[in-house]
PDB file of N, CA and C in Angstrom:
ATOM      1  N   MET A   1     -21.105  55.219 149.406  1.00  0.00           N
ATOM      2  CA  MET A   1     -21.804  56.335 150.023  1.00  0.00           C
ATOM      3  C   MET A   1     -21.009  56.761 151.249  1.00  0.00           C
ATOM      4  N   PRO A   2     -20.804  58.070 151.430  1.00  0.00           N
ATOM      5  CA  PRO A   2     -20.055  58.518 152.614  1.00  0.00           C
ATOM      6  C   PRO A   2     -20.847  58.215 153.893  1.00  0.00           C
ATOM      7  N   LEU A   3     -20.114  58.109 154.981  1.00  0.00           N
ATOM      8  CA  LEU A   3     -20.769  57.787 156.247  1.00  0.00           C
ATOM      9  C   LEU A   3     -21.514  58.972 156.834  1.00  0.00           C
ATOM     10  N   GLU A   4     -21.109  60.199 156.434  1.00  0.00           N
ATOM     11  CA  GLU A   4     -21.782  61.405 156.917  1.00  0.00           C
ATOM     12  C   GLU A   4     -22.101  62.296 155.736  1.00  0.00           C
ATOM     13  N   ILE A   5     -23.255  62.946 155.778  1.00  0.00           N
ATOM     14  CA  ILE A   5     -23.654  63.878 154.732  1.00  0.00           C
ATOM     15  C   ILE A   5     -24.009  65.202 155.393  1.00  0.00           C
ATOM     16  N   VAL A   6     -23.955  66.269 154.610  1.00  0.00           N
ATOM     17  CA  VAL A   6     -24.270  67.600 155.125  1.00  0.00           C
ATOM     18  C   VAL A   6     -25.654  67.988 154.636  1.00  0.00           C
ATOM     19  N   ILE A   7     -26.552  68.236 155.590  1.00  0.00           N
ATOM     20  CA  ILE A   7     -27.914  68.688 155.271  1.00  0.00           C
ATOM     21  C   ILE A   7     -28.137  70.005 156.010  1.00  0.00           C
ATOM     22  N   GLY A   8     -28.257  71.076 155.257  1.00  0.00           N
ATOM     23  CA  GLY A   8     -28.490  72.387 155.866  1.00  0.00           C
ATOM     24  C   GLY A   8     -27.347  72.838 156.749  1.00  0.00           C
ATOM     25  N   GLY A   9     -26.126  72.456 156.430  1.00  0.00           N
ATOM     26  CA  GLY A   9     -24.970  72.853 157.211  1.00  0.00           C
ATOM     27  C   GLY A   9     -24.704  71.973 158.415  1.00  0.00           C
ATOM     28  N   ALA A  10     -25.514  70.974 158.631  1.00  0.00           N
ATOM     29  CA  ALA A  10     -25.307  70.060 159.757  1.00  0.00           C
ATOM     30  C   ALA A  10     -24.901  68.693 159.227  1.00  0.00           C
ATOM     31  N   MET A  11     -23.882  68.138 159.836  1.00  0.00           N
ATOM     32  CA  MET A  11     -23.449  66.802 159.428  1.00  0.00           C
ATOM     33  C   MET A  11     -24.350  65.767 160.072  1.00  0.00           C
ATOM     34  N   MET A  12     -24.860  64.893 159.243  1.00  0.00           N
ATOM     35  CA  MET A  12     -25.766  63.851 159.729  1.00  0.00           C
ATOM     36  C   MET A  12     -25.279  62.512 159.204  1.00  0.00           C
ATOM     37  N   PRO A  13     -25.540  61.459 159.936  1.00  0.00           N
ATOM     38  CA  PRO A  13     -25.151  60.145 159.418  1.00  0.00           C
ATOM     39  C   PRO A  13     -25.985  59.798 158.184  1.00  0.00           C
ATOM     40  N   SER A  14     -25.370  59.095 157.276  1.00  0.00           N
ATOM     41  CA  SER A  14     -26.083  58.753 156.042  1.00  0.00           C
ATOM     42  C   SER A  14     -27.196  57.745 156.298  1.00  0.00           C
ATOM     43  N   LEU A  15     -27.221  57.163 157.465  1.00  0.00           N
ATOM     44  CA  LEU A  15     -28.324  56.260 157.804  1.00  0.00           C
ATOM     45  C   LEU A  15     -29.658  57.007 157.867  1.00  0.00           C
ATOM     46  N   VAL A  16     -29.606  58.336 158.056  1.00  0.00           N
ATOM     47  CA  VAL A  16     -30.848  59.129 158.061  1.00  0.00           C
ATOM     48  C   VAL A  16     -31.502  59.065 156.682  1.00  0.00           C
ATOM     49  N   VAL A  17     -30.684  59.173 155.650  1.00  0.00           N
ATOM     50  CA  VAL A  17     -31.202  59.079 154.279  1.00  0.00           C
ATOM     51  C   VAL A  17     -31.725  57.676 154.009  1.00  0.00           C
ATOM     52  N   VAL A  18     -30.982  56.680 154.468  1.00  0.00           N
ATOM     53  CA  VAL A  18     -31.408  55.289 154.291  1.00  0.00           C
ATOM     54  C   VAL A  18     -32.708  55.039 155.050  1.00  0.00           C
ATOM     55  N   PHE A  19     -32.823  55.619 156.241  1.00  0.00           N
ATOM     56  CA  PHE A  19     -34.043  55.481 157.047  1.00  0.00           C
ATOM     57  C   PHE A  19     -35.250  56.043 156.294  1.00  0.00           C
ATOM     58  N   GLY A  20     -35.095  57.235 155.720  1.00  0.00           N
ATOM     59  CA  GLY A  20     -36.186  57.842 154.958  1.00  0.00           C
ATOM     60  C   GLY A  20     -36.555  57.024 153.735  1.00  0.00           C
ATOM     61  N   GLY A  21     -35.543  56.518 153.046  1.00  0.00           N
ATOM     62  CA  GLY A  21     -35.810  55.678 151.876  1.00  0.00           C
ATOM     63  C   GLY A  21     -36.520  54.393 152.245  1.00  0.00           C
ATOM     64  N   CYS A  22     -36.099  53.784 153.334  1.00  0.00           N
ATOM     65  CA  CYS A  22     -36.751  52.548 153.782  1.00  0.00           C
ATOM     66  C   CYS A  22     -38.177  52.821 154.242  1.00  0.00           C
ATOM     67  N   LEU A  23     -38.387  53.975 154.847  1.00  0.00           N
ATOM     68  CA  LEU A  23     -39.738  54.340 155.283  1.00  0.00           C
ATOM     69  C   LEU A  23     -40.668  54.503 154.080  1.00  0.00           C
ATOM     70  N   LEU A  24     -40.177  55.175 153.040  1.00  0.00           N
ATOM     71  CA  LEU A  24     -40.980  55.326 151.826  1.00  0.00           C
ATOM     72  C   LEU A  24     -41.253  53.983 151.161  1.00  0.00           C
ATOM     73  N   LEU A  25     -40.234  53.126 151.101  1.00  0.00           N
ATOM     74  CA  LEU A  25     -40.409  51.803 150.505  1.00  0.00           C
ATOM     75  C   LEU A  25     -41.380  50.958 151.322  1.00  0.00           C
ATOM     76  N   MET A  26     -41.306  51.087 152.650  1.00  0.00           N
ATOM     77  CA  MET A  26     -42.215  50.332 153.513  1.00  0.00           C
ATOM     78  C   MET A  26     -43.653  50.797 153.316  1.00  0.00           C
ATOM     79  N   TRP A  27     -43.855  52.112 153.169  1.00  0.00           N
ATOM     80  CA  TRP A  27     -45.218  52.618 152.928  1.00  0.00           C
ATOM     81  C   TRP A  27     -45.755  52.102 151.600  1.00  0.00           C
ATOM     82  N   LEU A  28     -44.890  52.041 150.593  1.00  0.00           N
ATOM     83  CA  LEU A  28     -45.304  51.533 149.289  1.00  0.00           C
ATOM     84  C   LEU A  28     -45.674  50.054 149.381  1.00  0.00           C
ATOM     85  N   LEU A  29     -44.809  49.267 150.039  1.00  0.00           N
ATOM     86  CA  LEU A  29     -45.102  47.842 150.203  1.00  0.00           C
ATOM     87  C   LEU A  29     -46.350  47.629 151.062  1.00  0.00           C
ATOM     88  N   ASP A  30     -46.530  48.473 152.057  1.00  0.00           N
ATOM     89  CA  ASP A  30     -47.718  48.370 152.918  1.00  0.00           C
ATOM     90  C   ASP A  30     -48.982  48.622 152.112  1.00  0.00           C
ATOM     91  N   ALA A  31     -48.935  49.598 151.217  1.00  0.00           N
ATOM     92  CA  ALA A  31     -50.104  49.878 150.383  1.00  0.00           C
ATOM     93  C   ALA A  31     -50.401  48.713 149.448  1.00  0.00           C
ATOM     94  N   VAL A  32     -49.358  48.124 148.886  1.00  0.00           N
ATOM     95  CA  VAL A  32     -49.548  46.991 147.969  1.00  0.00           C
ATOM     96  C   VAL A  32     -50.103  45.787 148.729  1.00  0.00           C
ATOM     97  N   ILE A  33     -49.522  45.504 149.890  1.00  0.00           N
ATOM     98  CA  ILE A  33     -49.984  44.363 150.691  1.00  0.00           C
ATOM     99  C   ILE A  33     -51.420  44.586 151.158  1.00  0.00           C
ATOM    100  N   GLY A  34     -51.725  45.819 151.554  1.00  0.00           N
ATOM    101  CA  GLY A  34     -53.095  46.131 151.974  1.00  0.00           C
ATOM    102  C   GLY A  34     -54.088  46.027 150.836  1.00  0.00           C
ATOM    103  N   ARG A  35     -53.669  46.453 149.642  1.00  0.00           N
ATOM    104  CA  ARG A  35     -54.561  46.389 148.485  1.00  0.00           C
ATOM    105  C   ARG A  35     -54.823  44.940 148.078  1.00  0.00           C
ATOM    106  N   LEU A  36     -53.808  44.096 148.246  1.00  0.00           N
ATOM    107  CA  LEU A  36     -53.988  42.677 147.913  1.00  0.00           C
ATOM    108  C   LEU A  36     -54.749  41.921 148.995  1.00  0.00           C
ATOM    109  N   GLY A  37     -54.901  42.529 150.163  1.00  0.00           N
ATOM    110  CA  GLY A  37     -55.654  41.894 151.234  1.00  0.00           C
ATOM    111  C   GLY A  37     -54.897  40.820 151.985  1.00  0.00           C
ATOM    112  N   LEU A  38     -53.576  40.906 151.969  1.00  0.00           N
ATOM    113  CA  LEU A  38     -52.771  39.866 152.631  1.00  0.00           C
ATOM    114  C   LEU A  38     -52.751  40.024 154.147  1.00  0.00           C
ATOM    115  N   TYR A  39     -53.157  41.187 154.651  1.00  0.00           N
ATOM    116  CA  TYR A  39     -53.170  41.373 156.106  1.00  0.00           C
ATOM    117  C   TYR A  39     -54.281  40.571 156.769  1.00  0.00           C
ATOM    118  N   ARG A  40     -55.186  39.996 155.994  1.00  0.00           N
ATOM    119  CA  ARG A  40     -56.228  39.158 156.585  1.00  0.00           C
ATOM    120  C   ARG A  40     -55.659  37.870 157.157  1.00  0.00           C
ATOM    121  N   TYR A  41     -54.485  37.467 156.690  1.00  0.00           N
ATOM    122  CA  TYR A  41     -53.907  36.187 157.069  1.00  0.00           C
ATOM    123  C   TYR A  41     -52.932  36.283 158.230  1.00  0.00           C
ATOM    124  N   VAL A  42     -52.708  37.470 158.775  1.00  0.00           N
ATOM    125  CA  VAL A  42     -51.800  37.619 159.912  1.00  0.00           C
ATOM    126  C   VAL A  42     -52.600  38.049 161.136  1.00  0.00           C
ATOM    127  N   LEU A  43     -52.065  37.713 162.315  1.00  0.00           N
ATOM    128  CA  LEU A  43     -52.770  38.020 163.553  1.00  0.00           C
ATOM    129  C   LEU A  43     -52.631  39.491 163.927  1.00  0.00           C
ATOM    130  N   HIS A  44     -51.427  40.044 163.779  1.00  0.00           N
ATOM    131  CA  HIS A  44     -51.170  41.441 164.135  1.00  0.00           C
ATOM    132  C   HIS A  44     -50.528  42.164 162.943  1.00  0.00           C
ATOM    133  N   PRO A  45     -51.305  42.844 162.144  1.00  0.00           N
ATOM    134  CA  PRO A  45     -50.729  43.547 160.987  1.00  0.00           C
ATOM    135  C   PRO A  45     -49.684  44.593 161.371  1.00  0.00           C
ATOM    136  N   SER A  46     -49.842  45.217 162.536  1.00  0.00           N
ATOM    137  CA  SER A  46     -48.852  46.226 162.939  1.00  0.00           C
ATOM    138  C   SER A  46     -47.484  45.605 163.161  1.00  0.00           C
ATOM    139  N   LEU A  47     -47.459  44.416 163.732  1.00  0.00           N
ATOM    140  CA  LEU A  47     -46.175  43.745 163.947  1.00  0.00           C
ATOM    141  C   LEU A  47     -45.546  43.340 162.622  1.00  0.00           C
ATOM    142  N   VAL A  48     -46.353  42.965 161.661  1.00  0.00           N
ATOM    143  CA  VAL A  48     -45.832  42.622 160.331  1.00  0.00           C
ATOM    144  C   VAL A  48     -45.232  43.862 159.682  1.00  0.00           C
ATOM    145  N   ARG A  49     -45.906  44.997 159.839  1.00  0.00           N
ATOM    146  CA  ARG A  49     -45.371  46.244 159.288  1.00  0.00           C
ATOM    147  C   ARG A  49     -44.033  46.595 159.941  1.00  0.00           C
ATOM    148  N   LEU A  50     -43.973  46.468 161.253  1.00  0.00           N
ATOM    149  CA  LEU A  50     -42.733  46.769 161.968  1.00  0.00           C
ATOM    150  C   LEU A  50     -41.616  45.814 161.550  1.00  0.00           C
ATOM    151  N   ALA A  51     -41.930  44.530 161.446  1.00  0.00           N
ATOM    152  CA  ALA A  51     -40.925  43.547 161.038  1.00  0.00           C
ATOM    153  C   ALA A  51     -40.452  43.813 159.615  1.00  0.00           C
ATOM    154  N   LEU A  52     -41.362  44.207 158.753  1.00  0.00           N
ATOM    155  CA  LEU A  52     -40.988  44.539 157.379  1.00  0.00           C
ATOM    156  C   LEU A  52     -40.026  45.721 157.353  1.00  0.00           C
ATOM    157  N   PHE A  53     -40.329  46.744 158.149  1.00  0.00           N
ATOM    158  CA  PHE A  53     -39.447  47.909 158.194  1.00  0.00           C
ATOM    159  C   PHE A  53     -38.084  47.552 158.772  1.00  0.00           C
ATOM    160  N   VAL A  54     -38.055  46.764 159.825  1.00  0.00           N
ATOM    161  CA  VAL A  54     -36.774  46.380 160.434  1.00  0.00           C
ATOM    162  C   VAL A  54     -35.934  45.582 159.447  1.00  0.00           C
ATOM    163  N   CYS A  55     -36.560  44.688 158.703  1.00  0.00           N
ATOM    164  CA  CYS A  55     -35.824  43.906 157.707  1.00  0.00           C
ATOM    165  C   CYS A  55     -35.280  44.802 156.594  1.00  0.00           C
ATOM    166  N   LEU A  56     -36.101  45.722 156.113  1.00  0.00           N
ATOM    167  CA  LEU A  56     -35.649  46.624 155.051  1.00  0.00           C
ATOM    168  C   LEU A  56     -34.512  47.521 155.530  1.00  0.00           C
ATOM    169  N   PHE A  57     -34.673  48.099 156.712  1.00  0.00           N
ATOM    170  CA  PHE A  57     -33.660  49.012 157.235  1.00  0.00           C
ATOM    171  C   PHE A  57     -32.377  48.262 157.576  1.00  0.00           C
ATOM    172  N   GLY A  58     -32.489  47.081 158.114  1.00  0.00           N
ATOM    173  CA  GLY A  58     -31.305  46.277 158.418  1.00  0.00           C
ATOM    174  C   GLY A  58     -30.539  45.899 157.165  1.00  0.00           C
ATOM    175  N   ALA A  59     -31.261  45.479 156.135  1.00  0.00           N
ATOM    176  CA  ALA A  59     -30.603  45.107 154.883  1.00  0.00           C
ATOM    177  C   ALA A  59     -29.951  46.322 154.234  1.00  0.00           C
ATOM    178  N   ALA A  60     -30.648  47.446 154.223  1.00  0.00           N
ATOM    179  CA  ALA A  60     -30.074  48.653 153.622  1.00  0.00           C
ATOM    180  C   ALA A  60     -28.886  49.153 154.433  1.00  0.00           C
ATOM    181  N   GLY A  61     -28.958  49.063 155.739  1.00  0.00           N
ATOM    182  CA  GLY A  61     -27.834  49.472 156.574  1.00  0.00           C
ATOM    183  C   GLY A  61     -26.609  48.603 156.355  1.00  0.00           C
ATOM    184  N   LEU A  62     -26.828  47.313 156.202  1.00  0.00           N
ATOM    185  CA  LEU A  62     -25.708  46.416 155.930  1.00  0.00           C
ATOM    186  C   LEU A  62     -25.114  46.680 154.556  1.00  0.00           C
ATOM    187  N   LEU A  63     -25.964  46.991 153.586  1.00  0.00           N
ATOM    188  CA  LEU A  63     -25.455  47.327 152.257  1.00  0.00           C
ATOM    189  C   LEU A  63     -24.675  48.634 152.285  1.00  0.00           C
ATOM    190  N   LEU A  64     -25.059  49.550 153.164  1.00  0.00           N
ATOM    191  CA  LEU A  64     -24.360  50.836 153.274  1.00  0.00           C
ATOM    192  C   LEU A  64     -22.961  50.639 153.822  1.00  0.00           C
ATOM    193  N   ILE A  65     -22.791  49.729 154.740  1.00  0.00           N
ATOM    194  CA  ILE A  65     -21.480  49.496 155.347  1.00  0.00           C
ATOM    195  C   ILE A  65     -20.511  48.914 154.331  1.00  0.00           C
ATOM    196  N   HIS A  66     -21.008  48.006 153.482  1.00  0.00           N
ATOM    197  CA  HIS A  66     -20.108  47.357 152.512  1.00  0.00           C
ATOM    198  C   HIS A  66     -20.024  48.163 151.297  1.00  0.00           C
TER     199      HIS A  66
END
C-alpha cells in the first residue's frame, strides 16, 4: 500500500484509511462484545474499548509499514 493516497485532490497519509477501517472493525467488535455481555466482567468498559482500538490500529499500522 502506498504511504500517501489522493482523496479529493488532497494527498493524505494512508493511515487515514487504516484508521477508518480500524474504527469500523472496533465498532463491529464492540457490538459483538456488548451483545455477548462481556462488558459485565470489566471495571471500565470505555477503557477496554480504547485499548481494543489502540491494539487494532497499532497492529494495522505495523502491517502497513511492512
